[in-house]
PDB file of N, CA and C in Angstrom:
ATOM      1  N   MET A   1       9.974  -7.037 -10.161  1.00  0.00           N
ATOM      2  CA  MET A   1       9.750  -5.745  -9.771  1.00  0.00           C
ATOM      3  C   MET A   1      10.026  -5.315  -8.345  1.00  0.00           C
ATOM      4  N   GLY A   2      10.755  -4.376  -8.083  1.00  0.00           N
ATOM      5  CA  GLY A   2      11.240  -3.849  -6.840  1.00  0.00           C
ATOM      6  C   GLY A   2      10.356  -2.872  -6.502  1.00  0.00           C
ATOM      7  N   SER A   3      10.837  -2.102  -5.545  1.00  0.00           N
ATOM      8  CA  SER A   3      10.023  -0.903  -4.892  1.00  0.00           C
ATOM      9  C   SER A   3       9.945   0.138  -5.788  1.00  0.00           C
ATOM     10  N   LEU A   4       8.805   0.886  -5.495  1.00  0.00           N
ATOM     11  CA  LEU A   4       8.522   1.963  -6.434  1.00  0.00           C
ATOM     12  C   LEU A   4       9.210   3.366  -5.953  1.00  0.00           C
ATOM     13  N   SER A   5       9.418   4.225  -6.777  1.00  0.00           N
ATOM     14  CA  SER A   5      10.042   5.530  -6.277  1.00  0.00           C
ATOM     15  C   SER A   5       9.018   6.269  -5.250  1.00  0.00           C
ATOM     16  N   LEU A   6       9.725   6.695  -4.235  1.00  0.00           N
ATOM     17  CA  LEU A   6       8.974   7.622  -3.016  1.00  0.00           C
ATOM     18  C   LEU A   6       9.142   9.102  -3.376  1.00  0.00           C
ATOM     19  N   THR A   7      10.131   9.368  -4.346  1.00  0.00           N
ATOM     20  CA  THR A   7      10.310  10.852  -4.776  1.00  0.00           C
ATOM     21  C   THR A   7      10.415  10.884  -6.097  1.00  0.00           C
ATOM     22  N   GLY A   8      10.604  12.152  -6.693  1.00  0.00           N
ATOM     23  CA  GLY A   8      10.610  12.348  -7.972  1.00  0.00           C
ATOM     24  C   GLY A   8       9.355  12.064  -8.645  1.00  0.00           C
ATOM     25  N   ASP A   9       9.296  11.225  -9.421  1.00  0.00           N
ATOM     26  CA  ASP A   9       7.964  10.931 -10.314  1.00  0.00           C
ATOM     27  C   ASP A   9       6.797  10.444  -9.235  1.00  0.00           C
ATOM     28  N   GLU A  10       7.193  10.112  -7.986  1.00  0.00           N
ATOM     29  CA  GLU A  10       6.114   9.689  -6.942  1.00  0.00           C
ATOM     30  C   GLU A  10       5.131   8.520  -7.516  1.00  0.00           C
ATOM     31  N   SER A  11       6.045   7.507  -8.175  1.00  0.00           N
ATOM     32  CA  SER A  11       5.183   6.468  -8.610  1.00  0.00           C
ATOM     33  C   SER A  11       4.321   5.600  -7.572  1.00  0.00           C
ATOM     34  N   ALA A  12       4.947   5.644  -6.406  1.00  0.00           N
ATOM     35  CA  ALA A  12       4.294   4.814  -5.388  1.00  0.00           C
ATOM     36  C   ALA A  12       3.064   5.580  -4.836  1.00  0.00           C
ATOM     37  N   ILE A  13       3.125   6.948  -4.827  1.00  0.00           N
ATOM     38  CA  ILE A  13       2.135   7.768  -4.319  1.00  0.00           C
ATOM     39  C   ILE A  13       0.907   7.758  -5.237  1.00  0.00           C
ATOM     40  N   GLY A  14       1.263   7.786  -6.644  1.00  0.00           N
ATOM     41  CA  GLY A  14       0.453   7.683  -7.727  1.00  0.00           C
ATOM     42  C   GLY A  14      -0.238   6.417  -7.866  1.00  0.00           C
ATOM     43  N   LEU A  15       0.392   5.306  -7.562  1.00  0.00           N
ATOM     44  CA  LEU A  15      -0.228   4.128  -7.438  1.00  0.00           C
ATOM     45  C   LEU A  15      -1.258   3.988  -6.431  1.00  0.00           C
ATOM     46  N   PHE A  16      -0.857   4.441  -5.244  1.00  0.00           N
ATOM     47  CA  PHE A  16      -1.786   4.469  -4.092  1.00  0.00           C
ATOM     48  C   PHE A  16      -3.118   5.232  -4.395  1.00  0.00           C
ATOM     49  N   VAL A  17      -2.942   6.514  -4.885  1.00  0.00           N
ATOM     50  CA  VAL A  17      -4.000   7.368  -5.406  1.00  0.00           C
ATOM     51  C   VAL A  17      -4.953   6.701  -6.332  1.00  0.00           C
ATOM     52  N   GLY A  18      -4.360   6.117  -7.376  1.00  0.00           N
ATOM     53  CA  GLY A  18      -5.172   5.647  -8.379  1.00  0.00           C
ATOM     54  C   GLY A  18      -6.011   4.399  -8.026  1.00  0.00           C
ATOM     55  N   ARG A  19      -5.199   3.653  -7.268  1.00  0.00           N
ATOM     56  CA  ARG A  19      -6.090   2.335  -6.880  1.00  0.00           C
ATOM     57  C   ARG A  19      -7.205   2.740  -5.717  1.00  0.00           C
ATOM     58  N   ALA A  20      -6.742   3.782  -4.852  1.00  0.00           N
ATOM     59  CA  ALA A  20      -7.768   4.099  -3.838  1.00  0.00           C
ATOM     60  C   ALA A  20      -9.051   4.807  -4.593  1.00  0.00           C
ATOM     61  N   ALA A  21      -8.647   5.512  -5.648  1.00  0.00           N
ATOM     62  CA  ALA A  21     -10.048   6.130  -6.428  1.00  0.00           C
ATOM     63  C   ALA A  21     -10.697   5.158  -7.196  1.00  0.00           C
ATOM     64  N   ALA A  22     -10.065   3.910  -7.545  1.00  0.00           N
ATOM     65  CA  ALA A  22     -10.810   2.930  -8.167  1.00  0.00           C
ATOM     66  C   ALA A  22     -11.685   2.295  -7.127  1.00  0.00           C
ATOM     67  N   ALA A  23     -11.252   2.201  -5.908  1.00  0.00           N
ATOM     68  CA  ALA A  23     -11.862   1.420  -4.898  1.00  0.00           C
ATOM     69  C   ALA A  23     -13.005   2.209  -4.281  1.00  0.00           C
ATOM     70  N   ASN A  24     -12.761   3.653  -4.194  1.00  0.00           N
ATOM     71  CA  ASN A  24     -13.690   4.417  -3.573  1.00  0.00           C
ATOM     72  C   ASN A  24     -13.869   5.859  -4.503  1.00  0.00           C
ATOM     73  N   PRO A  25     -14.695   5.849  -5.480  1.00  0.00           N
ATOM     74  CA  PRO A  25     -14.846   6.904  -6.324  1.00  0.00           C
ATOM     75  C   PRO A  25     -14.925   8.232  -5.682  1.00  0.00           C
ATOM     76  N   SER A  26     -15.193   8.329  -4.505  1.00  0.00           N
ATOM     77  CA  SER A  26     -15.262   9.799  -3.811  1.00  0.00           C
ATOM     78  C   SER A  26     -14.054  10.072  -3.185  1.00  0.00           C
ATOM     79  N   PHE A  27     -13.008   9.180  -3.221  1.00  0.00           N
ATOM     80  CA  PHE A  27     -11.624   9.477  -2.799  1.00  0.00           C
ATOM     81  C   PHE A  27     -10.913  10.650  -3.660  1.00  0.00           C
ATOM     82  N   THR A  28     -10.144  11.436  -2.956  1.00  0.00           N
ATOM     83  CA  THR A  28      -9.455  12.527  -3.499  1.00  0.00           C
ATOM     84  C   THR A  28      -8.263  12.881  -2.767  1.00  0.00           C
ATOM     85  N   CYS A  29      -7.163  13.241  -3.636  1.00  0.00           N
ATOM     86  CA  CYS A  29      -6.086  13.578  -2.730  1.00  0.00           C
ATOM     87  C   CYS A  29      -5.418  14.696  -3.924  1.00  0.00           C
ATOM     88  N   SER A  30      -4.960  15.835  -3.441  1.00  0.00           N
ATOM     89  CA  SER A  30      -4.400  16.815  -4.281  1.00  0.00           C
ATOM     90  C   SER A  30      -2.912  16.549  -4.341  1.00  0.00           C
ATOM     91  N   ASP A  31      -2.217  17.355  -5.125  1.00  0.00           N
ATOM     92  CA  ASP A  31      -0.889  17.300  -5.414  1.00  0.00           C
ATOM     93  C   ASP A  31      -0.070  18.382  -4.467  1.00  0.00           C
ATOM     94  N   ASP A  32      -1.001  19.000  -3.585  1.00  0.00           N
ATOM     95  CA  ASP A  32      -0.117  19.755  -2.728  1.00  0.00           C
ATOM     96  C   ASP A  32       0.452  18.956  -1.506  1.00  0.00           C
ATOM     97  N   PRO A  33       1.833  19.206  -1.576  1.00  0.00           N
ATOM     98  CA  PRO A  33       2.546  18.313  -0.480  1.00  0.00           C
ATOM     99  C   PRO A  33       2.314  18.838   0.822  1.00  0.00           C
ATOM    100  N   HIS A  34       1.423  19.806   1.157  1.00  0.00           N
ATOM    101  CA  HIS A  34       1.103  20.080   2.365  1.00  0.00           C
ATOM    102  C   HIS A  34      -0.385  19.684   2.810  1.00  0.00           C
ATOM    103  N   ASP A  35      -0.994  18.919   1.829  1.00  0.00           N
ATOM    104  CA  ASP A  35      -2.379  18.252   2.127  1.00  0.00           C
ATOM    105  C   ASP A  35      -2.146  17.143   3.135  1.00  0.00           C
ATOM    106  N   PRO A  36      -2.758  17.096   4.139  1.00  0.00           N
ATOM    107  CA  PRO A  36      -2.666  16.097   5.208  1.00  0.00           C
ATOM    108  C   PRO A  36      -2.862  14.633   4.649  1.00  0.00           C
ATOM    109  N   VAL A  37      -3.920  14.600   3.713  1.00  0.00           N
ATOM    110  CA  VAL A  37      -4.200  13.174   3.047  1.00  0.00           C
ATOM    111  C   VAL A  37      -2.923  12.741   2.395  1.00  0.00           C
ATOM    112  N   ARG A  38      -2.606  13.718   1.542  1.00  0.00           N
ATOM    113  CA  ARG A  38      -1.313  13.337   0.746  1.00  0.00           C
ATOM    114  C   ARG A  38      -0.046  12.915   1.601  1.00  0.00           C
ATOM    115  N   ALA A  39       0.061  13.692   2.636  1.00  0.00           N
ATOM    116  CA  ALA A  39       1.280  13.335   3.757  1.00  0.00           C
ATOM    117  C   ALA A  39       0.979  12.003   4.259  1.00  0.00           C
ATOM    118  N   THR A  40      -0.262  11.682   4.595  1.00  0.00           N
ATOM    119  CA  THR A  40      -0.595  10.412   5.195  1.00  0.00           C
ATOM    120  C   THR A  40      -0.320   9.330   4.081  1.00  0.00           C
ATOM    121  N   ILE A  41      -0.645   9.490   2.781  1.00  0.00           N
ATOM    122  CA  ILE A  41      -0.288   8.399   1.935  1.00  0.00           C
ATOM    123  C   ILE A  41       1.187   8.348   1.600  1.00  0.00           C
ATOM    124  N   VAL A  42       1.830   9.324   1.619  1.00  0.00           N
ATOM    125  CA  VAL A  42       3.427   9.281   1.393  1.00  0.00           C
ATOM    126  C   VAL A  42       4.019   8.519   2.833  1.00  0.00           C
ATOM    127  N   GLU A  43       3.489   8.600   3.973  1.00  0.00           N
ATOM    128  CA  GLU A  43       3.676   7.989   5.158  1.00  0.00           C
ATOM    129  C   GLU A  43       3.438   6.396   4.681  1.00  0.00           C
ATOM    130  N   ILE A  44       2.298   6.120   4.402  1.00  0.00           N
ATOM    131  CA  ILE A  44       1.758   4.596   4.146  1.00  0.00           C
ATOM    132  C   ILE A  44       2.666   3.917   3.047  1.00  0.00           C
ATOM    133  N   CYS A  45       3.208   4.859   1.956  1.00  0.00           N
ATOM    134  CA  CYS A  45       4.119   4.114   0.955  1.00  0.00           C
ATOM    135  C   CYS A  45       5.442   3.871   1.569  1.00  0.00           C
ATOM    136  N   GLN A  46       5.806   4.912   2.514  1.00  0.00           N
ATOM    137  CA  GLN A  46       6.952   4.683   2.953  1.00  0.00           C
ATOM    138  C   GLN A  46       7.224   3.447   4.106  1.00  0.00           C
ATOM    139  N   GLN A  47       6.093   3.205   4.855  1.00  0.00           N
ATOM    140  CA  GLN A  47       5.858   2.110   5.652  1.00  0.00           C
ATOM    141  C   GLN A  47       5.913   0.883   5.006  1.00  0.00           C
ATOM    142  N   LEU A  48       5.400   0.900   3.815  1.00  0.00           N
ATOM    143  CA  LEU A  48       5.238  -0.323   2.907  1.00  0.00           C
ATOM    144  C   LEU A  48       6.392  -0.501   2.030  1.00  0.00           C
ATOM    145  N   ASP A  49       7.433   0.189   2.177  1.00  0.00           N
ATOM    146  CA  ASP A  49       8.858   0.151   1.509  1.00  0.00           C
ATOM    147  C   ASP A  49       8.570   0.429  -0.056  1.00  0.00           C
ATOM    148  N   GLY A  50       7.579   1.041  -0.365  1.00  0.00           N
ATOM    149  CA  GLY A  50       7.257   1.098  -1.822  1.00  0.00           C
ATOM    150  C   GLY A  50       6.972  -0.018  -2.712  1.00  0.00           C
ATOM    151  N   MET A  51       6.526  -1.017  -1.959  1.00  0.00           N
ATOM    152  CA  MET A  51       6.190  -2.476  -2.509  1.00  0.00           C
ATOM    153  C   MET A  51       4.807  -2.245  -3.198  1.00  0.00           C
ATOM    154  N   PRO A  52       4.812  -2.450  -4.545  1.00  0.00           N
ATOM    155  CA  PRO A  52       3.473  -2.388  -5.335  1.00  0.00           C
ATOM    156  C   PRO A  52       2.435  -3.232  -5.038  1.00  0.00           C
ATOM    157  N   LEU A  53       2.699  -4.423  -4.570  1.00  0.00           N
ATOM    158  CA  LEU A  53       1.556  -5.277  -4.254  1.00  0.00           C
ATOM    159  C   LEU A  53       0.942  -4.715  -2.834  1.00  0.00           C
ATOM    160  N   MET A  54       1.776  -4.561  -2.004  1.00  0.00           N
ATOM    161  CA  MET A  54       1.369  -3.992  -0.652  1.00  0.00           C
ATOM    162  C   MET A  54       0.708  -2.666  -0.796  1.00  0.00           C
ATOM    163  N   ILE A  55       1.055  -1.756  -1.628  1.00  0.00           N
ATOM    164  CA  ILE A  55       0.484  -0.478  -1.909  1.00  0.00           C
ATOM    165  C   ILE A  55      -0.953  -0.653  -2.380  1.00  0.00           C
ATOM    166  N   GLU A  56      -0.889  -1.498  -3.509  1.00  0.00           N
ATOM    167  CA  GLU A  56      -2.256  -1.831  -4.144  1.00  0.00           C
ATOM    168  C   GLU A  56      -3.317  -2.306  -3.082  1.00  0.00           C
ATOM    169  N   ILE A  57      -2.984  -3.355  -2.151  1.00  0.00           N
ATOM    170  CA  ILE A  57      -3.894  -3.767  -1.297  1.00  0.00           C
ATOM    171  C   ILE A  57      -4.147  -2.768  -0.213  1.00  0.00           C
ATOM    172  N   ALA A  58      -3.312  -2.059   0.380  1.00  0.00           N
ATOM    173  CA  ALA A  58      -3.460  -0.987   1.184  1.00  0.00           C
ATOM    174  C   ALA A  58      -4.740   0.021   0.567  1.00  0.00           C
ATOM    175  N   ALA A  59      -4.291   0.375  -0.676  1.00  0.00           N
ATOM    176  CA  ALA A  59      -5.294   1.380  -1.136  1.00  0.00           C
ATOM    177  C   ALA A  59      -6.714   0.972  -1.497  1.00  0.00           C
ATOM    178  N   ALA A  60      -6.674  -0.420  -1.638  1.00  0.00           N
ATOM    179  CA  ALA A  60      -8.117  -1.070  -1.809  1.00  0.00           C
ATOM    180  C   ALA A  60      -8.871  -0.918  -0.429  1.00  0.00           C
ATOM    181  N   SER A  61      -8.162  -0.751   0.671  1.00  0.00           N
ATOM    182  CA  SER A  61      -8.800  -0.682   1.890  1.00  0.00           C
ATOM    183  C   SER A  61      -9.491   0.674   1.884  1.00  0.00           C
ATOM    184  N   VAL A  62      -9.228   1.534   1.276  1.00  0.00           N
ATOM    185  CA  VAL A  62      -9.947   3.045   1.224  1.00  0.00           C
ATOM    186  C   VAL A  62     -11.427   2.781   1.122  1.00  0.00           C
ATOM    187  N   SER A  63     -11.911   1.767   0.515  1.00  0.00           N
ATOM    188  CA  SER A  63     -13.172   1.627   0.323  1.00  0.00           C
ATOM    189  C   SER A  63     -14.039   1.407   1.661  1.00  0.00           C
ATOM    190  N   VAL A  64     -13.215   1.040   2.884  1.00  0.00           N
ATOM    191  CA  VAL A  64     -13.737   0.855   4.137  1.00  0.00           C
ATOM    192  C   VAL A  64     -12.979   1.590   5.345  1.00  0.00           C
ATOM    193  N   LEU A  65     -11.682   2.174   5.055  1.00  0.00           N
ATOM    194  CA  LEU A  65     -10.960   2.959   5.940  1.00  0.00           C
ATOM    195  C   LEU A  65     -10.476   4.146   5.322  1.00  0.00           C
ATOM    196  N   THR A  66     -10.061   5.270   6.293  1.00  0.00           N
ATOM    197  CA  THR A  66      -9.532   6.358   5.829  1.00  0.00           C
ATOM    198  C   THR A  66      -7.897   6.021   5.623  1.00  0.00           C
ATOM    199  N   PRO A  67      -7.349   6.984   4.947  1.00  0.00           N
ATOM    200  CA  PRO A  67      -5.833   6.779   5.086  1.00  0.00           C
ATOM    201  C   PRO A  67      -5.084   6.794   6.273  1.00  0.00           C
ATOM    202  N   GLY A  68      -5.844   7.706   7.106  1.00  0.00           N
ATOM    203  CA  GLY A  68      -5.296   7.785   8.543  1.00  0.00           C
ATOM    204  C   GLY A  68      -5.381   6.402   9.302  1.00  0.00           C
ATOM    205  N   GLU A  69      -6.498   5.681   9.063  1.00  0.00           N
ATOM    206  CA  GLU A  69      -6.706   4.549   9.802  1.00  0.00           C
ATOM    207  C   GLU A  69      -6.058   3.495   9.015  1.00  0.00           C
ATOM    208  N   ILE A  70      -5.679   3.406   8.034  1.00  0.00           N
ATOM    209  CA  ILE A  70      -4.710   2.440   7.444  1.00  0.00           C
ATOM    210  C   ILE A  70      -3.461   2.495   7.815  1.00  0.00           C
ATOM    211  N   LEU A  71      -2.877   3.962   8.024  1.00  0.00           N
ATOM    212  CA  LEU A  71      -1.476   4.261   8.558  1.00  0.00           C
ATOM    213  C   LEU A  71      -1.541   3.720  10.034  1.00  0.00           C
ATOM    214  N   ASP A  72      -2.453   3.855  10.722  1.00  0.00           N
ATOM    215  CA  ASP A  72      -2.575   3.595  12.095  1.00  0.00           C
ATOM    216  C   ASP A  72      -2.630   2.101  12.244  1.00  0.00           C
ATOM    217  N   ARG A  73      -3.002   1.104  11.247  1.00  0.00           N
ATOM    218  CA  ARG A  73      -2.807  -0.275  11.223  1.00  0.00           C
ATOM    219  C   ARG A  73      -1.665  -0.994  10.693  1.00  0.00           C
ATOM    220  N   ILE A  74      -1.038  -0.117  10.116  1.00  0.00           N
ATOM    221  CA  ILE A  74       0.239  -0.604   9.336  1.00  0.00           C
ATOM    222  C   ILE A  74       1.231  -1.365  10.157  1.00  0.00           C
ATOM    223  N   ALA A  75       1.224  -1.119  11.474  1.00  0.00           N
ATOM    224  CA  ALA A  75       2.223  -1.672  12.493  1.00  0.00           C
ATOM    225  C   ALA A  75       1.936  -3.343  12.352  1.00  0.00           C
ATOM    226  N   ASP A  76       0.796  -3.568  12.162  1.00  0.00           N
ATOM    227  CA  ASP A  76       0.392  -5.011  12.038  1.00  0.00           C
ATOM    228  C   ASP A  76       0.066  -5.303  10.631  1.00  0.00           C
ATOM    229  N   ARG A  77       0.951  -5.253   9.604  1.00  0.00           N
ATOM    230  CA  ARG A  77       0.761  -5.127   8.163  1.00  0.00           C
ATOM    231  C   ARG A  77      -0.244  -6.263   7.740  1.00  0.00           C
ATOM    232  N   PHE A  78       0.153  -7.498   8.126  1.00  0.00           N
ATOM    233  CA  PHE A  78      -0.758  -8.714   7.451  1.00  0.00           C
ATOM    234  C   PHE A  78      -2.089  -8.677   8.026  1.00  0.00           C
ATOM    235  N   ARG A  79      -2.394  -8.118   9.176  1.00  0.00           N
ATOM    236  CA  ARG A  79      -3.829  -8.245   9.739  1.00  0.00           C
ATOM    237  C   ARG A  79      -4.595  -7.152   8.767  1.00  0.00           C
ATOM    238  N   VAL A  80      -4.073  -5.901   8.650  1.00  0.00           N
ATOM    239  CA  VAL A  80      -5.005  -4.842   7.865  1.00  0.00           C
ATOM    240  C   VAL A  80      -5.038  -5.311   6.432  1.00  0.00           C
ATOM    241  N   LEU A  81      -3.905  -5.767   5.942  1.00  0.00           N
ATOM    242  CA  LEU A  81      -3.868  -5.941   4.383  1.00  0.00           C
ATOM    243  C   LEU A  81      -4.496  -7.238   3.955  1.00  0.00           C
ATOM    244  N   SER A  82      -4.750  -8.237   4.863  1.00  0.00           N
ATOM    245  CA  SER A  82      -5.452  -9.476   4.640  1.00  0.00           C
ATOM    246  C   SER A  82      -6.947  -9.391   4.734  1.00  0.00           C
ATOM    247  N   GLY A  83      -7.416  -7.963   5.053  1.00  0.00           N
ATOM    248  CA  GLY A  83      -8.750  -7.747   5.038  1.00  0.00           C
ATOM    249  C   GLY A  83      -9.444  -8.294   6.399  1.00  0.00           C
ATOM    250  N   GLY A  84      -8.517  -8.534   7.457  1.00  0.00           N
ATOM    251  CA  GLY A  84      -9.030  -9.023   8.773  1.00  0.00           C
ATOM    252  C   GLY A  84      -9.663 -10.435   8.667  1.00  0.00           C
ATOM    253  N   GLN A  85      -9.496 -11.189   7.457  1.00  0.00           N
ATOM    254  CA  GLN A  85     -10.080 -12.505   7.568  1.00  0.00           C
ATOM    255  C   GLN A  85      -9.236 -13.777   8.191  1.00  0.00           C
ATOM    256  N   GLY A  86      -8.320 -13.437   8.908  1.00  0.00           N
ATOM    257  CA  GLY A  86      -7.744 -14.484   9.779  1.00  0.00           C
ATOM    258  C   GLY A  86      -6.390 -14.955   9.061  1.00  0.00           C
ATOM    259  N   ARG A  87      -6.115 -16.039   9.911  1.00  0.00           N
ATOM    260  CA  ARG A  87      -4.788 -16.828   9.535  1.00  0.00           C
ATOM    261  C   ARG A  87      -4.567 -17.233   8.296  1.00  0.00           C
ATOM    262  N   GLN A  88      -5.704 -17.685   7.582  1.00  0.00           N
ATOM    263  CA  GLN A  88      -5.417 -18.364   6.137  1.00  0.00           C
ATOM    264  C   GLN A  88      -5.130 -17.289   5.317  1.00  0.00           C
ATOM    265  N   LYS A  89      -5.752 -16.144   5.303  1.00  0.00           N
ATOM    266  CA  LYS A  89      -5.342 -15.212   4.219  1.00  0.00           C
ATOM    267  C   LYS A  89      -3.986 -14.411   4.401  1.00  0.00           C
ATOM    268  N   ARG A  90      -3.676 -14.549   5.681  1.00  0.00           N
ATOM    269  CA  ARG A  90      -2.223 -14.005   5.970  1.00  0.00           C
ATOM    270  C   ARG A  90      -1.206 -14.911   5.510  1.00  0.00           C
ATOM    271  N   ARG A  91      -1.487 -16.147   5.637  1.00  0.00           N
ATOM    272  CA  ARG A  91      -0.609 -17.253   4.949  1.00  0.00           C
ATOM    273  C   ARG A  91      -0.677 -16.970   3.456  1.00  0.00           C
ATOM    274  N   THR A  92      -1.646 -16.841   2.809  1.00  0.00           N
ATOM    275  CA  THR A  92      -1.849 -16.611   1.393  1.00  0.00           C
ATOM    276  C   THR A  92      -1.014 -15.577   0.969  1.00  0.00           C
ATOM    277  N   LEU A  93      -1.155 -14.261   1.673  1.00  0.00           N
ATOM    278  CA  LEU A  93      -0.434 -13.108   1.326  1.00  0.00           C
ATOM    279  C   LEU A  93       1.119 -13.571   1.426  1.00  0.00           C
ATOM    280  N   GLN A  94       1.499 -13.953   2.672  1.00  0.00           N
ATOM    281  CA  GLN A  94       2.866 -14.207   3.040  1.00  0.00           C
ATOM    282  C   GLN A  94       3.295 -15.364   1.820  1.00  0.00           C
ATOM    283  N   ALA A  95       2.585 -16.389   1.421  1.00  0.00           N
ATOM    284  CA  ALA A  95       2.975 -17.258   0.237  1.00  0.00           C
ATOM    285  C   ALA A  95       3.238 -16.403  -0.923  1.00  0.00           C
ATOM    286  N   THR A  96       2.319 -15.685  -1.305  1.00  0.00           N
ATOM    287  CA  THR A  96       2.656 -14.610  -2.435  1.00  0.00           C
ATOM    288  C   THR A  96       3.889 -13.925  -2.425  1.00  0.00           C
ATOM    289  N   LEU A  97       4.243 -13.245  -1.188  1.00  0.00           N
ATOM    290  CA  LEU A  97       5.236 -12.536  -0.998  1.00  0.00           C
ATOM    291  C   LEU A  97       6.525 -13.448  -1.086  1.00  0.00           C
ATOM    292  N   ASP A  98       6.519 -14.485  -0.647  1.00  0.00           N
ATOM    293  CA  ASP A  98       7.713 -15.577  -0.612  1.00  0.00           C
ATOM    294  C   ASP A  98       7.910 -15.970  -2.021  1.00  0.00           C
ATOM    295  N   TRP A  99       6.844 -16.143  -2.582  1.00  0.00           N
ATOM    296  CA  TRP A  99       6.867 -16.860  -4.232  1.00  0.00           C
ATOM    297  C   TRP A  99       7.580 -15.705  -4.995  1.00  0.00           C
ATOM    298  N   SER A 100       7.216 -14.355  -4.896  1.00  0.00           N
ATOM    299  CA  SER A 100       7.716 -13.302  -5.482  1.00  0.00           C
ATOM    300  C   SER A 100       9.128 -13.170  -5.292  1.00  0.00           C
ATOM    301  N   TYR A 101       9.548 -13.161  -4.037  1.00  0.00           N
ATOM    302  CA  TYR A 101      10.946 -12.915  -3.547  1.00  0.00           C
ATOM    303  C   TYR A 101      11.875 -14.197  -4.088  1.00  0.00           C
ATOM    304  N   ASP A 102      11.174 -15.461  -4.194  1.00  0.00           N
ATOM    305  CA  ASP A 102      12.109 -16.389  -4.820  1.00  0.00           C
ATOM    306  C   ASP A 102      12.309 -16.325  -6.211  1.00  0.00           C
ATOM    307  N   LEU A 103      11.493 -15.493  -6.907  1.00  0.00           N
ATOM    308  CA  LEU A 103      11.805 -15.371  -8.341  1.00  0.00           C
ATOM    309  C   LEU A 103      13.030 -14.424  -8.758  1.00  0.00           C
ATOM    310  N   LEU A 104      13.543 -13.589  -7.656  1.00  0.00           N
ATOM    311  CA  LEU A 104      14.604 -12.791  -7.684  1.00  0.00           C
ATOM    312  C   LEU A 104      15.873 -13.341  -7.965  1.00  0.00           C
ATOM    313  N   ASP A 105      16.862 -12.868  -8.859  1.00  0.00           N
ATOM    314  CA  ASP A 105      18.222 -13.294  -8.961  1.00  0.00           C
ATOM    315  C   ASP A 105      18.824 -12.972  -7.606  1.00  0.00           C
ATOM    316  N   PRO A 106      19.956 -13.810  -7.270  1.00  0.00           N
ATOM    317  CA  PRO A 106      20.579 -13.514  -6.021  1.00  0.00           C
ATOM    318  C   PRO A 106      21.145 -11.964  -5.936  1.00  0.00           C
ATOM    319  N   ASP A 107      21.531 -11.365  -7.054  1.00  0.00           N
ATOM    320  CA  ASP A 107      22.160  -9.945  -7.068  1.00  0.00           C
ATOM    321  C   ASP A 107      20.926  -9.038  -6.924  1.00  0.00           C
ATOM    322  N   GLU A 108      19.668  -9.516  -7.117  1.00  0.00           N
ATOM    323  CA  GLU A 108      18.498  -8.437  -6.893  1.00  0.00           C
ATOM    324  C   GLU A 108      18.095  -8.773  -5.245  1.00  0.00           C
TER     325      GLU A 108
END
């Protein structure tokens, strides 16, 4: 599976919003493109290159962080997405990404 669309059907944004709402039932995001929360989610999805696993992990962070706080921490992706639990979780996440990448055909 590759990156999700960031335009058109907005599947990356939809994935983030769905997972965030599951992690935090009080989380809401409108369909209005001028909504600052939605604009932040669009930026998060772009920063994560539309990668579904990364988007799901980031969205789960909505239970403890706002979308703005998540975006602020994206620069150090593995620190925030590993839940801040240190080097072992970062290695686990990196191993998962490496395994997934190794499954791709050379053309992909």
